[in-house]
Amino acid sequence: MSVQRVFVHESIFQKVAEGLTTLANQLKCGNPLDPDTDVGPLISAEETDRIHDWVIEAKNKGAKIHCGGQKLASNLYAPTVISNAPDDSKLSQQEIFGPVVILYPFKERIKAIEKANSLPFSFQAAVFTKNIDIALECVSLLKATAVMVNDHTAFRVDWMPFGGYEQSGYGIGGIPYSMDEMTKHKLMIIRSKSI
């Protein structure tokens, strides 16, 4: 459910980039057993190296690193905010599974939605707007199993569907969906002269 790609209207892009950079710089990285830790380690040093390689690839292709972009330890990566990662970069094409968020400015909402939908991976999406018609249009058009309106994609309750859209996993989780998945259906047909 971690946010990777954020599409921001060009009229507020700079303000959002600066705000996210400030927030990312305030995150405490370290031991996950420390209650003050916001960002813990990755699963392996190899994953840290992969994430760093993807960030550097995007930077070398013209992306701007606003903060982060470095390994803090063998399996700890700094919270990273990047903008304008090229469409052919791994950051724009694959799921990062790391503390990296990529900002993309847009002028036309429909084109931003098309770009958001261009990958075969997604779980949840979010849209922030004060206009209910825009919210409903975005919910209708975004490829995701759940779309939050004016809330972060980390919002979750047990009855919600949870699962990948297209190539992001198999099946849908959540209590009723899991119960149905584990249910064996059986049909009984009775023929009787006494009924």
N, C-alpha and C. Protein backbone atom coordinates (compact mmCIF):
# COMPACT_ATOMS: atom_id res chain seq x y z
N MET A 1 0.81 -1.20 0.00
CA MET A 1 0.00 0.00 0.00
C MET A 1 0.86 1.26 0.00
N SER A 2 2.14 1.11 0.01
CA SER A 2 3.01 2.29 0.01
C SER A 2 2.85 3.07 -1.27
N VAL A 3 2.89 4.37 -1.14
CA VAL A 3 2.75 5.25 -2.30
C VAL A 3 4.07 5.32 -3.03
N GLN A 4 4.02 5.12 -4.34
CA GLN A 4 5.23 5.22 -5.15
C GLN A 4 5.13 6.37 -6.13
N ARG A 5 3.99 6.49 -6.81
CA ARG A 5 3.85 7.52 -7.84
C ARG A 5 2.78 8.52 -7.43
N VAL A 6 3.13 9.80 -7.48
CA VAL A 6 2.20 10.87 -7.11
C VAL A 6 2.12 11.85 -8.28
N PHE A 7 0.91 12.04 -8.78
CA PHE A 7 0.67 12.96 -9.89
C PHE A 7 0.11 14.25 -9.29
N VAL A 8 0.81 15.36 -9.56
CA VAL A 8 0.47 16.64 -8.94
C VAL A 8 0.25 17.68 -10.03
N HIS A 9 -0.86 18.41 -9.92
CA HIS A 9 -1.11 19.44 -10.93
C HIS A 9 0.04 20.45 -10.92
N GLU A 10 0.42 20.88 -12.10
CA GLU A 10 1.59 21.75 -12.23
C GLU A 10 1.44 23.06 -11.45
N SER A 11 0.22 23.50 -11.20
CA SER A 11 0.01 24.76 -10.48
C SER A 11 0.44 24.67 -9.02
N ILE A 12 0.48 23.47 -8.44
CA ILE A 12 0.90 23.32 -7.05
C ILE A 12 2.10 22.38 -6.90
N PHE A 13 2.70 22.03 -8.02
CA PHE A 13 3.77 21.03 -8.01
C PHE A 13 4.93 21.42 -7.09
N GLN A 14 5.43 22.63 -7.23
CA GLN A 14 6.58 23.06 -6.44
C GLN A 14 6.28 23.03 -4.95
N LYS A 15 5.09 23.50 -4.59
CA LYS A 15 4.69 23.52 -3.17
C LYS A 15 4.61 22.10 -2.61
N VAL A 16 4.03 21.18 -3.37
CA VAL A 16 3.92 19.80 -2.92
C VAL A 16 5.30 19.15 -2.82
N ALA A 17 6.15 19.39 -3.81
CA ALA A 17 7.50 18.82 -3.79
C ALA A 17 8.27 19.30 -2.56
N GLU A 18 8.18 20.58 -2.28
CA GLU A 18 8.87 21.13 -1.11
C GLU A 18 8.29 20.57 0.19
N GLY A 19 6.97 20.45 0.27
CA GLY A 19 6.33 19.92 1.47
C GLY A 19 6.69 18.47 1.73
N LEU A 20 6.65 17.63 0.68
CA LEU A 20 7.02 16.22 0.85
C LEU A 20 8.50 16.07 1.20
N THR A 21 9.33 16.91 0.61
CA THR A 21 10.76 16.86 0.92
C THR A 21 11.00 17.19 2.39
N THR A 22 10.32 18.21 2.88
CA THR A 22 10.44 18.58 4.30
C THR A 22 10.00 17.43 5.19
N LEU A 23 8.86 16.83 4.87
CA LEU A 23 8.36 15.72 5.68
C LEU A 23 9.30 14.51 5.62
N ALA A 24 9.79 14.18 4.43
CA ALA A 24 10.70 13.03 4.28
C ALA A 24 11.98 13.24 5.08
N ASN A 25 12.48 14.46 5.09
CA ASN A 25 13.71 14.76 5.84
C ASN A 25 13.51 14.65 7.35
N GLN A 26 12.28 14.71 7.80
CA GLN A 26 11.99 14.61 9.24
C GLN A 26 11.82 13.17 9.71
N LEU A 27 11.73 12.23 8.78
CA LEU A 27 11.53 10.83 9.16
C LEU A 27 12.79 10.27 9.80
N LYS A 28 12.60 9.53 10.88
CA LYS A 28 13.73 8.91 11.57
C LYS A 28 13.92 7.49 11.02
N CYS A 29 15.12 7.19 10.59
CA CYS A 29 15.44 5.88 10.04
C CYS A 29 16.25 5.09 11.06
N GLY A 30 15.99 3.78 11.13
CA GLY A 30 16.81 2.98 12.04
C GLY A 30 16.15 1.71 12.47
N ASN A 31 16.41 1.35 13.71
CA ASN A 31 15.98 0.09 14.30
C ASN A 31 14.45 0.06 14.41
N PRO A 32 13.80 -0.95 13.84
CA PRO A 32 12.34 -1.01 13.90
C PRO A 32 11.81 -1.27 15.32
N LEU A 33 12.66 -1.70 16.23
CA LEU A 33 12.23 -1.92 17.61
C LEU A 33 12.19 -0.61 18.40
N ASP A 34 12.81 0.43 17.87
CA ASP A 34 12.78 1.75 18.50
C ASP A 34 11.44 2.40 18.16
N PRO A 35 10.63 2.73 19.16
CA PRO A 35 9.31 3.31 18.87
C PRO A 35 9.37 4.65 18.12
N ASP A 36 10.51 5.30 18.12
CA ASP A 36 10.64 6.58 17.40
C ASP A 36 10.99 6.39 15.92
N THR A 37 11.28 5.16 15.52
CA THR A 37 11.68 4.89 14.13
C THR A 37 10.47 4.96 13.21
N ASP A 38 10.63 5.73 12.12
CA ASP A 38 9.59 5.83 11.08
C ASP A 38 9.88 4.89 9.92
N VAL A 39 11.16 4.75 9.56
CA VAL A 39 11.56 3.94 8.40
C VAL A 39 12.59 2.92 8.87
N GLY A 40 12.22 1.66 8.76
CA GLY A 40 13.11 0.59 9.18
C GLY A 40 13.90 0.03 8.01
N PRO A 41 14.62 -1.06 8.25
CA PRO A 41 15.49 -1.64 7.22
C PRO A 41 14.71 -2.37 6.14
N LEU A 42 15.38 -2.57 5.03
CA LEU A 42 14.86 -3.41 3.96
C LEU A 42 15.21 -4.85 4.27
N ILE A 43 14.67 -5.76 3.49
CA ILE A 43 14.83 -7.18 3.79
C ILE A 43 16.27 -7.69 3.61
N SER A 44 17.04 -7.01 2.73
CA SER A 44 18.41 -7.47 2.50
C SER A 44 19.25 -6.35 1.91
N ALA A 45 20.56 -6.55 1.99
CA ALA A 45 21.48 -5.58 1.38
C ALA A 45 21.29 -5.54 -0.13
N GLU A 46 20.94 -6.69 -0.72
CA GLU A 46 20.73 -6.74 -2.18
C GLU A 46 19.56 -5.85 -2.59
N GLU A 47 18.51 -5.83 -1.78
CA GLU A 47 17.37 -4.97 -2.08
C GLU A 47 17.74 -3.50 -1.95
N THR A 48 18.54 -3.18 -0.97
CA THR A 48 19.02 -1.81 -0.81
C THR A 48 19.84 -1.39 -2.03
N ASP A 49 20.70 -2.27 -2.50
CA ASP A 49 21.50 -1.98 -3.70
C ASP A 49 20.60 -1.80 -4.92
N ARG A 50 19.58 -2.66 -5.05
CA ARG A 50 18.67 -2.56 -6.20
C ARG A 50 17.94 -1.22 -6.20
N ILE A 51 17.41 -0.85 -5.05
CA ILE A 51 16.69 0.43 -4.95
C ILE A 51 17.62 1.58 -5.30
N HIS A 52 18.83 1.53 -4.77
CA HIS A 52 19.79 2.61 -5.07
C HIS A 52 20.12 2.65 -6.57
N ASP A 53 20.29 1.49 -7.18
CA ASP A 53 20.57 1.44 -8.62
C ASP A 53 19.43 2.08 -9.42
N TRP A 54 18.19 1.79 -9.03
CA TRP A 54 17.03 2.36 -9.74
C TRP A 54 16.98 3.88 -9.59
N VAL A 55 17.27 4.35 -8.39
CA VAL A 55 17.26 5.81 -8.14
C VAL A 55 18.35 6.48 -8.97
N ILE A 56 19.55 5.92 -8.98
CA ILE A 56 20.66 6.49 -9.75
C ILE A 56 20.37 6.42 -11.24
N GLU A 57 19.75 5.33 -11.70
CA GLU A 57 19.39 5.23 -13.12
C GLU A 57 18.46 6.38 -13.50
N ALA A 58 17.43 6.63 -12.67
CA ALA A 58 16.48 7.71 -12.96
C ALA A 58 17.19 9.07 -12.93
N LYS A 59 18.09 9.26 -11.97
CA LYS A 59 18.84 10.52 -11.88
C LYS A 59 19.69 10.71 -13.13
N ASN A 60 20.36 9.67 -13.57
CA ASN A 60 21.21 9.76 -14.76
C ASN A 60 20.40 10.03 -16.02
N LYS A 61 19.11 9.71 -15.99
CA LYS A 61 18.24 9.97 -17.14
C LYS A 61 17.50 11.30 -17.03
N GLY A 62 17.81 12.07 -15.98
CA GLY A 62 17.23 13.42 -15.88
C GLY A 62 16.30 13.67 -14.72
N ALA A 63 16.03 12.68 -13.87
CA ALA A 63 15.17 12.89 -12.72
C ALA A 63 15.88 13.78 -11.70
N LYS A 64 15.09 14.49 -10.92
CA LYS A 64 15.65 15.35 -9.87
C LYS A 64 15.42 14.69 -8.51
N ILE A 65 16.49 14.54 -7.73
CA ILE A 65 16.38 14.00 -6.38
C ILE A 65 16.24 15.19 -5.43
N HIS A 66 15.09 15.26 -4.76
CA HIS A 66 14.83 16.35 -3.82
C HIS A 66 15.43 16.06 -2.45
N CYS A 67 15.42 14.79 -2.06
CA CYS A 67 16.06 14.39 -0.80
C CYS A 67 16.30 12.89 -0.85
N GLY A 68 17.18 12.41 0.02
CA GLY A 68 17.48 10.99 0.07
C GLY A 68 18.40 10.59 -1.07
N GLY A 69 18.12 9.44 -1.63
CA GLY A 69 18.93 8.96 -2.74
C GLY A 69 20.24 8.33 -2.31
N GLN A 70 20.32 7.89 -1.04
CA GLN A 70 21.56 7.24 -0.62
C GLN A 70 21.27 6.14 0.39
N LYS A 71 22.20 5.20 0.45
CA LYS A 71 22.13 4.11 1.42
C LYS A 71 22.63 4.66 2.75
N LEU A 72 21.90 4.36 3.82
CA LEU A 72 22.31 4.78 5.16
C LEU A 72 23.06 3.66 5.88
N ALA A 73 22.83 2.44 5.44
CA ALA A 73 23.50 1.25 5.96
C ALA A 73 23.32 0.17 4.91
N SER A 74 23.85 -1.01 5.16
CA SER A 74 23.77 -2.06 4.14
C SER A 74 22.33 -2.41 3.78
N ASN A 75 21.41 -2.28 4.73
CA ASN A 75 20.01 -2.60 4.43
C ASN A 75 19.04 -1.48 4.84
N LEU A 76 19.54 -0.26 4.83
CA LEU A 76 18.71 0.90 5.20
C LEU A 76 18.87 1.98 4.14
N TYR A 77 17.74 2.42 3.58
CA TYR A 77 17.77 3.44 2.52
C TYR A 77 17.06 4.68 2.99
N ALA A 78 17.63 5.82 2.67
CA ALA A 78 17.06 7.10 3.09
C ALA A 78 15.73 7.35 2.38
N PRO A 79 14.73 7.88 3.10
CA PRO A 79 13.48 8.27 2.45
C PRO A 79 13.80 9.24 1.32
N THR A 80 13.29 8.92 0.14
CA THR A 80 13.71 9.62 -1.07
C THR A 80 12.51 10.19 -1.81
N VAL A 81 12.63 11.46 -2.19
CA VAL A 81 11.62 12.12 -3.01
C VAL A 81 12.28 12.50 -4.32
N ILE A 82 11.69 12.06 -5.42
CA ILE A 82 12.24 12.30 -6.76
C ILE A 82 11.14 12.90 -7.62
N SER A 83 11.51 13.74 -8.55
CA SER A 83 10.51 14.22 -9.51
C SER A 83 10.99 13.95 -10.93
N ASN A 84 10.00 13.84 -11.80
CA ASN A 84 10.24 13.70 -13.24
C ASN A 84 11.11 12.52 -13.63
N ALA A 85 10.87 11.38 -12.99
CA ALA A 85 11.58 10.18 -13.44
C ALA A 85 11.09 9.86 -14.86
N PRO A 86 11.99 9.66 -15.81
CA PRO A 86 11.57 9.40 -17.18
C PRO A 86 10.70 8.15 -17.29
N ASP A 87 9.82 8.14 -18.27
CA ASP A 87 8.90 7.02 -18.46
C ASP A 87 9.61 5.69 -18.67
N ASP A 88 10.84 5.73 -19.22
CA ASP A 88 11.55 4.47 -19.47
C ASP A 88 12.45 4.04 -18.31
N SER A 89 12.41 4.77 -17.19
CA SER A 89 13.23 4.38 -16.04
C SER A 89 12.52 3.28 -15.26
N LYS A 90 13.28 2.48 -14.53
CA LYS A 90 12.70 1.41 -13.72
C LYS A 90 11.75 1.98 -12.67
N LEU A 91 12.08 3.15 -12.13
CA LEU A 91 11.20 3.77 -11.14
C LEU A 91 9.82 4.04 -11.71
N SER A 92 9.74 4.34 -12.99
CA SER A 92 8.45 4.64 -13.63
C SER A 92 7.77 3.41 -14.20
N GLN A 93 8.48 2.30 -14.25
CA GLN A 93 7.94 1.10 -14.89
C GLN A 93 7.66 -0.06 -13.95
N GLN A 94 8.29 -0.08 -12.77
CA GLN A 94 8.19 -1.24 -11.89
C GLN A 94 7.89 -0.79 -10.46
N GLU A 95 7.56 -1.75 -9.62
CA GLU A 95 7.29 -1.46 -8.22
C GLU A 95 8.59 -1.44 -7.44
N ILE A 96 8.85 -0.35 -6.73
CA ILE A 96 10.14 -0.17 -6.07
C ILE A 96 10.26 -0.96 -4.77
N PHE A 97 9.19 -1.10 -4.00
CA PHE A 97 9.22 -1.77 -2.71
C PHE A 97 10.32 -1.19 -1.82
N GLY A 98 10.35 0.13 -1.72
CA GLY A 98 11.32 0.82 -0.89
C GLY A 98 10.83 2.22 -0.58
N PRO A 99 11.55 2.96 0.27
CA PRO A 99 11.11 4.28 0.71
C PRO A 99 11.39 5.38 -0.32
N VAL A 100 10.77 5.22 -1.48
CA VAL A 100 10.98 6.17 -2.59
C VAL A 100 9.63 6.58 -3.14
N VAL A 101 9.43 7.89 -3.29
CA VAL A 101 8.21 8.40 -3.92
C VAL A 101 8.63 9.26 -5.10
N ILE A 102 7.89 9.09 -6.21
CA ILE A 102 8.20 9.83 -7.44
C ILE A 102 7.05 10.76 -7.75
N LEU A 103 7.36 12.04 -7.95
CA LEU A 103 6.35 13.04 -8.27
C LEU A 103 6.37 13.32 -9.77
N TYR A 104 5.16 13.41 -10.35
CA TYR A 104 5.01 13.72 -11.77
C TYR A 104 4.06 14.90 -11.91
N PRO A 105 4.52 15.99 -12.51
CA PRO A 105 3.60 17.11 -12.73
C PRO A 105 2.65 16.79 -13.89
N PHE A 106 1.43 17.32 -13.82
CA PHE A 106 0.51 17.14 -14.94
C PHE A 106 -0.28 18.41 -15.17
N LYS A 107 -0.75 18.56 -16.38
CA LYS A 107 -1.59 19.69 -16.76
C LYS A 107 -3.04 19.21 -16.93
N GLU A 108 -3.21 18.06 -17.58
CA GLU A 108 -4.55 17.53 -17.86
C GLU A 108 -4.79 16.27 -17.04
N ARG A 109 -5.86 16.27 -16.25
CA ARG A 109 -6.17 15.16 -15.35
C ARG A 109 -6.31 13.82 -16.09
N ILE A 110 -7.00 13.81 -17.21
CA ILE A 110 -7.22 12.55 -17.93
C ILE A 110 -5.89 11.95 -18.39
N LYS A 111 -4.96 12.79 -18.82
CA LYS A 111 -3.65 12.27 -19.23
C LYS A 111 -2.88 11.72 -18.02
N ALA A 112 -3.04 12.34 -16.86
CA ALA A 112 -2.39 11.83 -15.65
C ALA A 112 -2.97 10.47 -15.27
N ILE A 113 -4.29 10.32 -15.40
CA ILE A 113 -4.92 9.04 -15.10
C ILE A 113 -4.45 7.98 -16.09
N GLU A 114 -4.36 8.34 -17.35
CA GLU A 114 -3.86 7.38 -18.35
C GLU A 114 -2.44 6.93 -18.00
N LYS A 115 -1.62 7.88 -17.55
CA LYS A 115 -0.24 7.52 -17.18
C LYS A 115 -0.25 6.65 -15.91
N ALA A 116 -1.11 6.98 -14.97
CA ALA A 116 -1.22 6.17 -13.75
C ALA A 116 -1.66 4.75 -14.09
N ASN A 117 -2.54 4.62 -15.07
CA ASN A 117 -3.06 3.31 -15.47
C ASN A 117 -2.16 2.57 -16.45
N SER A 118 -1.07 3.17 -16.87
CA SER A 118 -0.25 2.60 -17.94
C SER A 118 0.53 1.36 -17.52
N LEU A 119 0.71 1.16 -16.22
CA LEU A 119 1.45 0.00 -15.73
C LEU A 119 0.51 -1.15 -15.40
N PRO A 120 0.99 -2.37 -15.48
CA PRO A 120 0.15 -3.51 -15.13
C PRO A 120 0.12 -3.79 -13.62
N PHE A 121 0.63 -2.84 -12.82
CA PHE A 121 0.70 -3.03 -11.38
C PHE A 121 -0.08 -1.93 -10.66
N SER A 122 -0.91 -2.31 -9.71
CA SER A 122 -1.51 -1.34 -8.79
C SER A 122 -2.30 -2.09 -7.74
N PHE A 123 -2.39 -1.50 -6.58
CA PHE A 123 -3.23 -2.01 -5.51
C PHE A 123 -4.33 -0.99 -5.26
N GLN A 124 -3.93 0.09 -4.63
CA GLN A 124 -4.88 1.13 -4.26
C GLN A 124 -4.42 2.45 -4.85
N ALA A 125 -5.36 3.38 -4.94
CA ALA A 125 -5.05 4.71 -5.44
C ALA A 125 -5.77 5.72 -4.56
N ALA A 126 -5.37 6.96 -4.70
CA ALA A 126 -6.02 8.04 -3.95
C ALA A 126 -6.13 9.26 -4.84
N VAL A 127 -7.16 10.04 -4.59
CA VAL A 127 -7.33 11.30 -5.30
C VAL A 127 -7.73 12.35 -4.27
N PHE A 128 -7.12 13.51 -4.38
CA PHE A 128 -7.42 14.61 -3.48
C PHE A 128 -8.06 15.73 -4.29
N THR A 129 -9.30 16.06 -3.95
CA THR A 129 -10.02 17.11 -4.65
C THR A 129 -11.18 17.59 -3.79
N LYS A 130 -11.62 18.82 -4.01
CA LYS A 130 -12.81 19.35 -3.34
C LYS A 130 -14.03 19.22 -4.23
N ASN A 131 -13.84 18.71 -5.46
CA ASN A 131 -14.91 18.63 -6.44
C ASN A 131 -15.40 17.18 -6.52
N ILE A 132 -16.64 16.93 -6.12
CA ILE A 132 -17.17 15.57 -6.08
C ILE A 132 -17.24 14.94 -7.47
N ASP A 133 -17.51 15.74 -8.50
CA ASP A 133 -17.57 15.19 -9.86
C ASP A 133 -16.20 14.70 -10.32
N ILE A 134 -15.18 15.46 -10.00
CA ILE A 134 -13.81 15.03 -10.33
C ILE A 134 -13.47 13.76 -9.55
N ALA A 135 -13.84 13.72 -8.27
CA ALA A 135 -13.56 12.53 -7.46
C ALA A 135 -14.21 11.30 -8.06
N LEU A 136 -15.49 11.40 -8.42
CA LEU A 136 -16.21 10.25 -8.98
C LEU A 136 -15.64 9.83 -10.33
N GLU A 137 -15.24 10.80 -11.14
CA GLU A 137 -14.63 10.47 -12.43
C GLU A 137 -13.31 9.72 -12.21
N CYS A 138 -12.50 10.20 -11.29
CA CYS A 138 -11.21 9.55 -11.01
C CYS A 138 -11.41 8.14 -10.48
N VAL A 139 -12.35 7.96 -9.55
CA VAL A 139 -12.63 6.63 -9.01
C VAL A 139 -13.04 5.69 -10.13
N SER A 140 -13.86 6.18 -11.04
CA SER A 140 -14.33 5.37 -12.15
C SER A 140 -13.20 4.98 -13.09
N LEU A 141 -12.27 5.88 -13.34
CA LEU A 141 -11.25 5.65 -14.36
C LEU A 141 -9.97 4.99 -13.84
N LEU A 142 -9.64 5.15 -12.57
CA LEU A 142 -8.39 4.60 -12.04
C LEU A 142 -8.46 3.08 -11.91
N LYS A 143 -7.44 2.41 -12.39
CA LYS A 143 -7.34 0.95 -12.25
C LYS A 143 -6.76 0.65 -10.87
N ALA A 144 -7.62 0.28 -9.94
CA ALA A 144 -7.20 -0.05 -8.59
C ALA A 144 -8.33 -0.82 -7.92
N THR A 145 -7.99 -1.65 -6.93
CA THR A 145 -9.04 -2.39 -6.23
C THR A 145 -9.75 -1.52 -5.20
N ALA A 146 -9.14 -0.41 -4.82
CA ALA A 146 -9.77 0.56 -3.92
C ALA A 146 -9.20 1.94 -4.25
N VAL A 147 -10.06 2.94 -4.22
CA VAL A 147 -9.62 4.31 -4.46
C VAL A 147 -10.09 5.16 -3.28
N MET A 148 -9.15 5.79 -2.60
CA MET A 148 -9.47 6.67 -1.48
C MET A 148 -9.69 8.08 -2.04
N VAL A 149 -10.67 8.76 -1.50
CA VAL A 149 -10.89 10.16 -1.88
C VAL A 149 -10.55 11.01 -0.66
N ASN A 150 -9.58 11.87 -0.83
CA ASN A 150 -9.09 12.78 0.21
C ASN A 150 -8.53 12.03 1.42
N ASP A 151 -7.91 10.90 1.17
CA ASP A 151 -7.22 10.16 2.22
C ASP A 151 -6.08 9.37 1.58
N HIS A 152 -5.14 8.99 2.40
CA HIS A 152 -3.94 8.26 1.98
C HIS A 152 -4.30 6.80 1.71
N THR A 153 -3.55 6.14 0.87
CA THR A 153 -3.83 4.74 0.54
C THR A 153 -3.54 3.77 1.69
N ALA A 154 -2.94 4.24 2.76
CA ALA A 154 -2.69 3.36 3.91
C ALA A 154 -3.96 3.13 4.72
N PHE A 155 -5.03 3.89 4.45
CA PHE A 155 -6.29 3.66 5.16
C PHE A 155 -6.76 2.25 4.86
N ARG A 156 -7.19 1.54 5.91
CA ARG A 156 -7.61 0.16 5.70
C ARG A 156 -8.51 -0.29 6.84
N VAL A 157 -9.57 -0.98 6.50
CA VAL A 157 -10.38 -1.70 7.47
C VAL A 157 -10.53 -3.13 6.94
N ASP A 158 -10.80 -4.07 7.83
CA ASP A 158 -10.75 -5.48 7.46
C ASP A 158 -11.74 -5.88 6.37
N TRP A 159 -12.88 -5.24 6.29
CA TRP A 159 -13.87 -5.66 5.30
C TRP A 159 -13.58 -5.15 3.90
N MET A 160 -12.60 -4.26 3.76
CA MET A 160 -12.26 -3.73 2.44
C MET A 160 -11.61 -4.79 1.58
N PRO A 161 -11.84 -4.73 0.27
CA PRO A 161 -11.08 -5.63 -0.61
C PRO A 161 -9.62 -5.21 -0.61
N PHE A 162 -8.73 -6.17 -0.59
CA PHE A 162 -7.31 -5.85 -0.67
C PHE A 162 -6.66 -6.84 -1.62
N GLY A 163 -6.09 -6.31 -2.66
CA GLY A 163 -5.43 -7.18 -3.61
C GLY A 163 -4.92 -6.38 -4.78
N GLY A 164 -4.12 -7.03 -5.56
CA GLY A 164 -3.53 -6.37 -6.70
C GLY A 164 -4.47 -6.29 -7.87
N TYR A 165 -4.26 -5.29 -8.67
CA TYR A 165 -5.01 -5.09 -9.90
C TYR A 165 -4.10 -5.55 -11.03
N GLU A 166 -4.60 -6.32 -11.94
CA GLU A 166 -3.83 -6.90 -13.04
C GLU A 166 -2.68 -7.75 -12.50
N GLN A 167 -1.43 -7.34 -12.68
CA GLN A 167 -0.30 -8.20 -12.33
C GLN A 167 0.24 -8.01 -10.92
N SER A 168 -0.46 -7.25 -10.09
CA SER A 168 -0.01 -7.05 -8.70
C SER A 168 -0.65 -8.06 -7.77
N GLY A 169 -0.36 -9.31 -7.97
CA GLY A 169 -0.84 -10.34 -7.06
C GLY A 169 -2.00 -11.12 -7.61
N TYR A 170 -2.44 -12.10 -6.82
CA TYR A 170 -3.52 -13.00 -7.22
C TYR A 170 -4.64 -12.94 -6.19
N GLY A 171 -5.86 -12.79 -6.64
CA GLY A 171 -7.01 -12.83 -5.75
C GLY A 171 -7.16 -11.57 -4.92
N ILE A 172 -8.24 -11.57 -4.16
CA ILE A 172 -8.57 -10.43 -3.31
C ILE A 172 -8.62 -10.90 -1.87
N GLY A 173 -7.96 -10.17 -0.97
CA GLY A 173 -7.98 -10.47 0.45
C GLY A 173 -9.00 -9.59 1.16
N GLY A 174 -9.09 -9.76 2.45
CA GLY A 174 -10.11 -9.10 3.26
C GLY A 174 -11.02 -10.19 3.79
N ILE A 175 -11.60 -9.99 4.95
CA ILE A 175 -12.33 -11.05 5.63
C ILE A 175 -13.39 -11.72 4.75
N PRO A 176 -14.36 -10.99 4.17
CA PRO A 176 -15.38 -11.71 3.40
C PRO A 176 -14.81 -12.38 2.14
N TYR A 177 -13.82 -11.75 1.52
CA TYR A 177 -13.21 -12.31 0.31
C TYR A 177 -12.41 -13.57 0.65
N SER A 178 -11.69 -13.52 1.76
CA SER A 178 -10.91 -14.69 2.18
C SER A 178 -11.83 -15.83 2.58
N MET A 179 -12.93 -15.51 3.27
CA MET A 179 -13.88 -16.55 3.65
C MET A 179 -14.46 -17.22 2.41
N ASP A 180 -14.82 -16.42 1.42
CA ASP A 180 -15.36 -16.99 0.19
C ASP A 180 -14.31 -17.85 -0.51
N GLU A 181 -13.07 -17.38 -0.51
CA GLU A 181 -11.98 -18.12 -1.15
C GLU A 181 -11.78 -19.50 -0.50
N MET A 182 -12.00 -19.57 0.81
CA MET A 182 -11.78 -20.82 1.54
C MET A 182 -13.04 -21.68 1.64
N THR A 183 -14.14 -21.19 1.10
CA THR A 183 -15.40 -21.93 1.18
C THR A 183 -15.51 -22.94 0.04
N LYS A 184 -15.92 -24.14 0.38
CA LYS A 184 -16.19 -25.16 -0.64
C LYS A 184 -17.70 -25.19 -0.84
N HIS A 185 -18.14 -24.95 -2.04
CA HIS A 185 -19.56 -24.95 -2.36
C HIS A 185 -19.98 -26.37 -2.77
N LYS A 186 -21.15 -26.76 -2.30
CA LYS A 186 -21.66 -28.08 -2.66
C LYS A 186 -23.16 -27.96 -2.91
N LEU A 187 -23.60 -28.58 -3.95
CA LEU A 187 -25.01 -28.57 -4.33
C LEU A 187 -25.59 -29.96 -4.05
N MET A 188 -26.78 -29.97 -3.46
CA MET A 188 -27.47 -31.23 -3.26
C MET A 188 -28.80 -31.17 -4.01
N ILE A 189 -29.08 -32.19 -4.77
CA ILE A 189 -30.35 -32.28 -5.50
C ILE A 189 -31.06 -33.53 -5.00
N ILE A 190 -32.31 -33.37 -4.59
CA ILE A 190 -33.07 -34.50 -4.07
C ILE A 190 -34.29 -34.72 -4.94
N ARG A 191 -34.49 -35.95 -5.31
CA ARG A 191 -35.72 -36.32 -5.99
C ARG A 191 -36.45 -37.27 -5.05
N SER A 192 -37.65 -36.93 -4.71
CA SER A 192 -38.42 -37.76 -3.79
C SER A 192 -39.88 -37.68 -4.14
N LYS A 193 -40.59 -38.82 -4.07
CA LYS A 193 -42.02 -38.85 -4.36
C LYS A 193 -42.83 -38.19 -3.26
N SER A 194 -42.23 -38.03 -2.06
CA SER A 194 -42.97 -37.49 -0.93
C SER A 194 -42.90 -35.96 -0.83
N ILE A 195 -42.21 -35.31 -1.72
CA ILE A 195 -42.14 -33.84 -1.67
C ILE A 195 -43.13 -33.25 -2.65
